[in-house]
N, C-alpha and C. Protein backbone atom coordinates (compact mmCIF):
# COMPACT_ATOMS: atom_id res chain seq x y z
N MET A 1 -2.87 -9.54 -9.91
CA MET A 1 -1.47 -8.38 -10.43
C MET A 1 -2.16 -7.03 -10.74
N LEU A 2 -2.07 -6.08 -10.71
CA LEU A 2 -2.70 -4.97 -10.75
C LEU A 2 -2.70 -4.45 -12.04
N ASN A 3 -3.70 -3.92 -13.17
CA ASN A 3 -3.04 -3.99 -14.50
C ASN A 3 -3.57 -2.41 -14.68
N ASN A 4 -3.49 -1.69 -13.76
CA ASN A 4 -4.13 0.06 -13.44
C ASN A 4 -2.65 0.57 -13.16
N PRO A 5 -2.16 0.71 -14.12
CA PRO A 5 -0.80 1.85 -13.92
C PRO A 5 -0.87 2.84 -12.18
N LYS A 6 -2.15 3.30 -12.48
CA LYS A 6 -2.27 4.82 -11.47
C LYS A 6 -2.00 4.02 -9.53
N GLU A 7 -2.23 2.67 -9.94
CA GLU A 7 -3.09 1.98 -9.06
C GLU A 7 -1.26 1.33 -8.26
N ILE A 8 -0.48 1.38 -9.20
CA ILE A 8 0.75 0.72 -8.26
C ILE A 8 1.37 1.61 -8.62
N ILE A 9 1.20 3.26 -8.68
CA ILE A 9 2.21 4.28 -7.98
C ILE A 9 1.70 4.48 -6.72
N ILE A 10 0.32 4.33 -6.50
CA ILE A 10 -0.20 4.77 -4.90
C ILE A 10 0.16 3.53 -4.07
N ASP A 11 0.65 2.49 -4.68
CA ASP A 11 0.60 1.35 -3.76
C ASP A 11 2.13 1.64 -3.46
N GLU A 12 2.95 2.33 -4.29
CA GLU A 12 4.51 2.06 -4.33
C GLU A 12 4.32 3.36 -3.30
N TRP A 13 4.10 4.62 -3.03
CA TRP A 13 3.69 5.80 -2.12
C TRP A 13 3.88 5.35 -0.94
N ASP A 14 2.76 4.64 -1.27
CA ASP A 14 1.71 4.07 0.25
C ASP A 14 2.87 3.07 1.02
N LEU A 15 3.09 2.52 0.50
CA LEU A 15 4.65 1.71 1.17
C LEU A 15 5.52 2.42 1.95
N LYS A 16 6.08 3.39 0.83
CA LYS A 16 6.98 3.80 1.36
C LYS A 16 6.81 4.56 3.03
N LEU A 17 5.48 5.44 2.63
CA LEU A 17 4.88 5.87 4.36
C LEU A 17 4.94 4.97 4.69
N GLU A 18 4.13 3.52 4.93
CA GLU A 18 4.17 2.33 5.84
C GLU A 18 5.49 2.14 6.70
N GLU A 19 6.54 2.19 5.53
CA GLU A 19 7.77 2.07 6.03
C GLU A 19 8.54 2.60 6.85
N ALA A 20 8.39 4.57 6.44
CA ALA A 20 8.87 5.41 7.33
C ALA A 20 7.89 5.46 8.27
N LEU A 21 7.14 4.81 8.50
CA LEU A 21 5.97 5.30 9.76
C LEU A 21 6.30 3.80 11.03
N LYS A 22 6.77 3.08 10.29
CA LYS A 22 7.28 1.76 11.11
C LYS A 22 8.70 2.04 11.83
N GLY A 23 9.66 2.83 11.00
CA GLY A 23 10.76 2.75 11.75
C GLY A 23 10.80 4.31 12.44
N LEU A 24 9.84 5.16 12.47
CA LEU A 24 9.45 5.65 13.40
C LEU A 24 8.93 5.57 14.47
N LYS A 25 8.19 4.61 14.73
CA LYS A 25 7.32 4.41 15.99
C LYS A 25 8.38 3.23 16.05
N GLN A 26 9.28 2.72 15.74
CA GLN A 26 10.18 1.68 16.61
C GLN A 26 11.02 2.56 17.12
N CYS A 27 11.31 3.60 17.01
CA CYS A 27 12.09 4.50 17.41
C CYS A 27 11.83 4.87 18.85
N GLN A 28 10.50 5.65 18.58
CA GLN A 28 9.90 5.82 19.77
C GLN A 28 8.98 5.20 20.86
N ASN A 29 9.30 3.59 20.62
CA ASN A 29 9.16 2.63 21.47
C ASN A 29 10.21 2.50 21.59
N SER A 30 11.17 2.98 21.03
CA SER A 30 12.04 2.14 21.24
C SER A 30 13.36 2.88 23.13
N LYS A 31 12.37 4.60 22.96
CA LYS A 31 13.23 5.64 23.83
C LYS A 31 11.72 5.95 24.41
N GLU A 32 10.57 4.61 24.54
CA GLU A 32 9.69 4.73 25.74
C GLU A 32 8.53 6.80 25.45
N LEU A 33 9.00 6.88 24.46
CA LEU A 33 7.88 8.29 24.17
C LEU A 33 6.33 7.88 22.91
N GLU A 34 5.75 8.34 23.29
CA GLU A 34 4.25 8.56 22.48
C GLU A 34 4.56 9.24 21.10
N SER A 35 4.97 10.34 21.33
CA SER A 35 5.23 11.03 19.69
C SER A 35 6.59 11.47 19.97
N CYS A 36 7.33 11.91 18.92
CA CYS A 36 8.69 12.85 18.54
C CYS A 36 8.91 14.01 19.20
N LYS A 37 7.60 15.10 19.95
CA LYS A 37 7.75 15.90 19.67
C LYS A 37 8.86 16.03 21.34
N SER A 38 8.94 14.98 22.25
CA SER A 38 9.44 15.39 23.60
C SER A 38 10.94 14.60 23.01
N CYS A 39 11.26 14.35 22.19
CA CYS A 39 12.71 14.13 21.59
C CYS A 39 13.57 15.11 21.71
N SER A 40 14.16 14.93 21.81
CA SER A 40 15.95 15.91 22.06
C SER A 40 16.69 15.85 20.44
N LEU A 41 16.21 15.19 19.66
CA LEU A 41 16.48 15.23 18.73
C LEU A 41 15.57 15.51 17.42
N PHE A 42 14.54 15.82 18.09
CA PHE A 42 13.49 16.68 17.24
C PHE A 42 14.03 16.98 16.11
N PHE A 43 14.28 18.31 16.04
CA PHE A 43 14.56 18.88 14.59
C PHE A 43 15.71 18.31 13.74
N GLU A 44 16.60 17.48 14.13
CA GLU A 44 17.99 16.86 13.71
C GLU A 44 17.75 15.38 13.21
N CYS A 45 16.26 14.68 13.37
CA CYS A 45 15.96 13.09 13.54
C CYS A 45 15.89 13.05 11.47
N GLU A 46 16.54 11.92 11.47
CA GLU A 46 17.06 11.64 10.09
C GLU A 46 15.97 10.79 9.80
N LEU A 47 15.26 9.74 10.69
CA LEU A 47 13.96 9.34 10.46
C LEU A 47 12.65 9.95 10.24
N ARG A 48 12.85 11.11 11.47
CA ARG A 48 11.36 11.86 11.62
C ARG A 48 11.41 12.52 9.92
N LYS A 49 12.59 13.28 9.40
CA LYS A 49 12.74 13.82 8.28
C LYS A 49 12.28 12.91 7.10
N LYS A 50 13.15 11.53 7.06
CA LYS A 50 12.11 10.87 6.11
C LYS A 50 11.17 10.57 6.23
N TYR A 51 9.86 10.84 7.57
CA TYR A 51 8.59 10.28 7.67
C TYR A 51 8.53 11.64 6.87
N VAL A 52 8.68 12.99 7.30
CA VAL A 52 7.90 14.17 6.74
C VAL A 52 7.64 14.18 5.38
N LEU A 53 9.09 13.67 4.73
CA LEU A 53 9.22 13.26 3.35
C LEU A 53 8.05 12.71 2.44
N ALA A 54 8.62 11.55 3.01
CA ALA A 54 7.69 10.24 2.64
C ALA A 54 5.75 10.25 2.94
N VAL A 55 5.16 11.68 3.86
CA VAL A 55 3.75 11.93 3.78
C VAL A 55 4.00 13.08 2.87
N TYR A 56 4.67 13.49 2.29
CA TYR A 56 4.65 14.50 1.33
C TYR A 56 4.64 13.97 -0.11
N GLU A 57 5.15 13.03 -0.11
CA GLU A 57 5.44 12.29 -1.45
C GLU A 57 3.84 11.43 -1.80
N SER A 58 3.77 10.92 -0.28
CA SER A 58 2.12 10.12 -0.32
C SER A 58 1.37 11.11 -1.18
N MET A 59 1.16 12.45 -0.33
CA MET A 59 0.05 13.04 -0.97
C MET A 59 0.29 13.48 -2.05
N ASN A 60 1.43 13.87 -2.78
CA ASN A 60 1.20 14.27 -3.76
C ASN A 60 1.61 13.04 -5.31
N LYS A 61 2.04 12.11 -4.28
CA LYS A 61 2.32 10.66 -5.19
C LYS A 61 3.46 10.96 -6.35
N GLY A 62 4.33 11.63 -5.77
CA GLY A 62 5.60 11.92 -6.27
C GLY A 62 5.68 12.88 -7.51
N SER A 63 4.97 13.49 -7.80
CA SER A 63 4.65 14.58 -8.45
C SER A 63 5.75 15.73 -8.48
N GLY A 64 6.31 15.62 -7.52
CA GLY A 64 6.75 16.88 -7.01
C GLY A 64 6.35 18.09 -6.83
N GLY A 65 7.08 19.54 -6.76
CA GLY A 65 6.82 20.84 -6.62
C GLY A 65 6.69 20.89 -4.63
N GLY A 66 6.55 21.89 -5.25
CA GLY A 66 6.01 22.64 -3.30
C GLY A 66 5.16 21.73 -2.31
N PHE A 67 4.97 22.31 -1.25
CA PHE A 67 3.87 21.77 -0.64
C PHE A 67 3.23 23.09 -0.03
N GLU A 68 1.82 23.50 -0.69
CA GLU A 68 2.00 24.91 -0.11
C GLU A 68 0.56 24.97 1.02
N PHE A 69 0.62 25.63 1.89
CA PHE A 69 -0.68 25.59 2.75
C PHE A 69 -1.52 26.72 2.31
């Protein structure tokens, strides 16, 4: 069991990211695609939107705010 709350938060966000990636890869495999770019649903895809959100959240560990480049 982890005693450090920060480690639990990191694990939580990493697990969400892994789950989103797993769903995305399953979709790509079912459509025989190497990436989402060639999919006709690229901009409307809910799986892709969830994955992008999971990436952002894993980077800021759920602290909110914008993501600026």
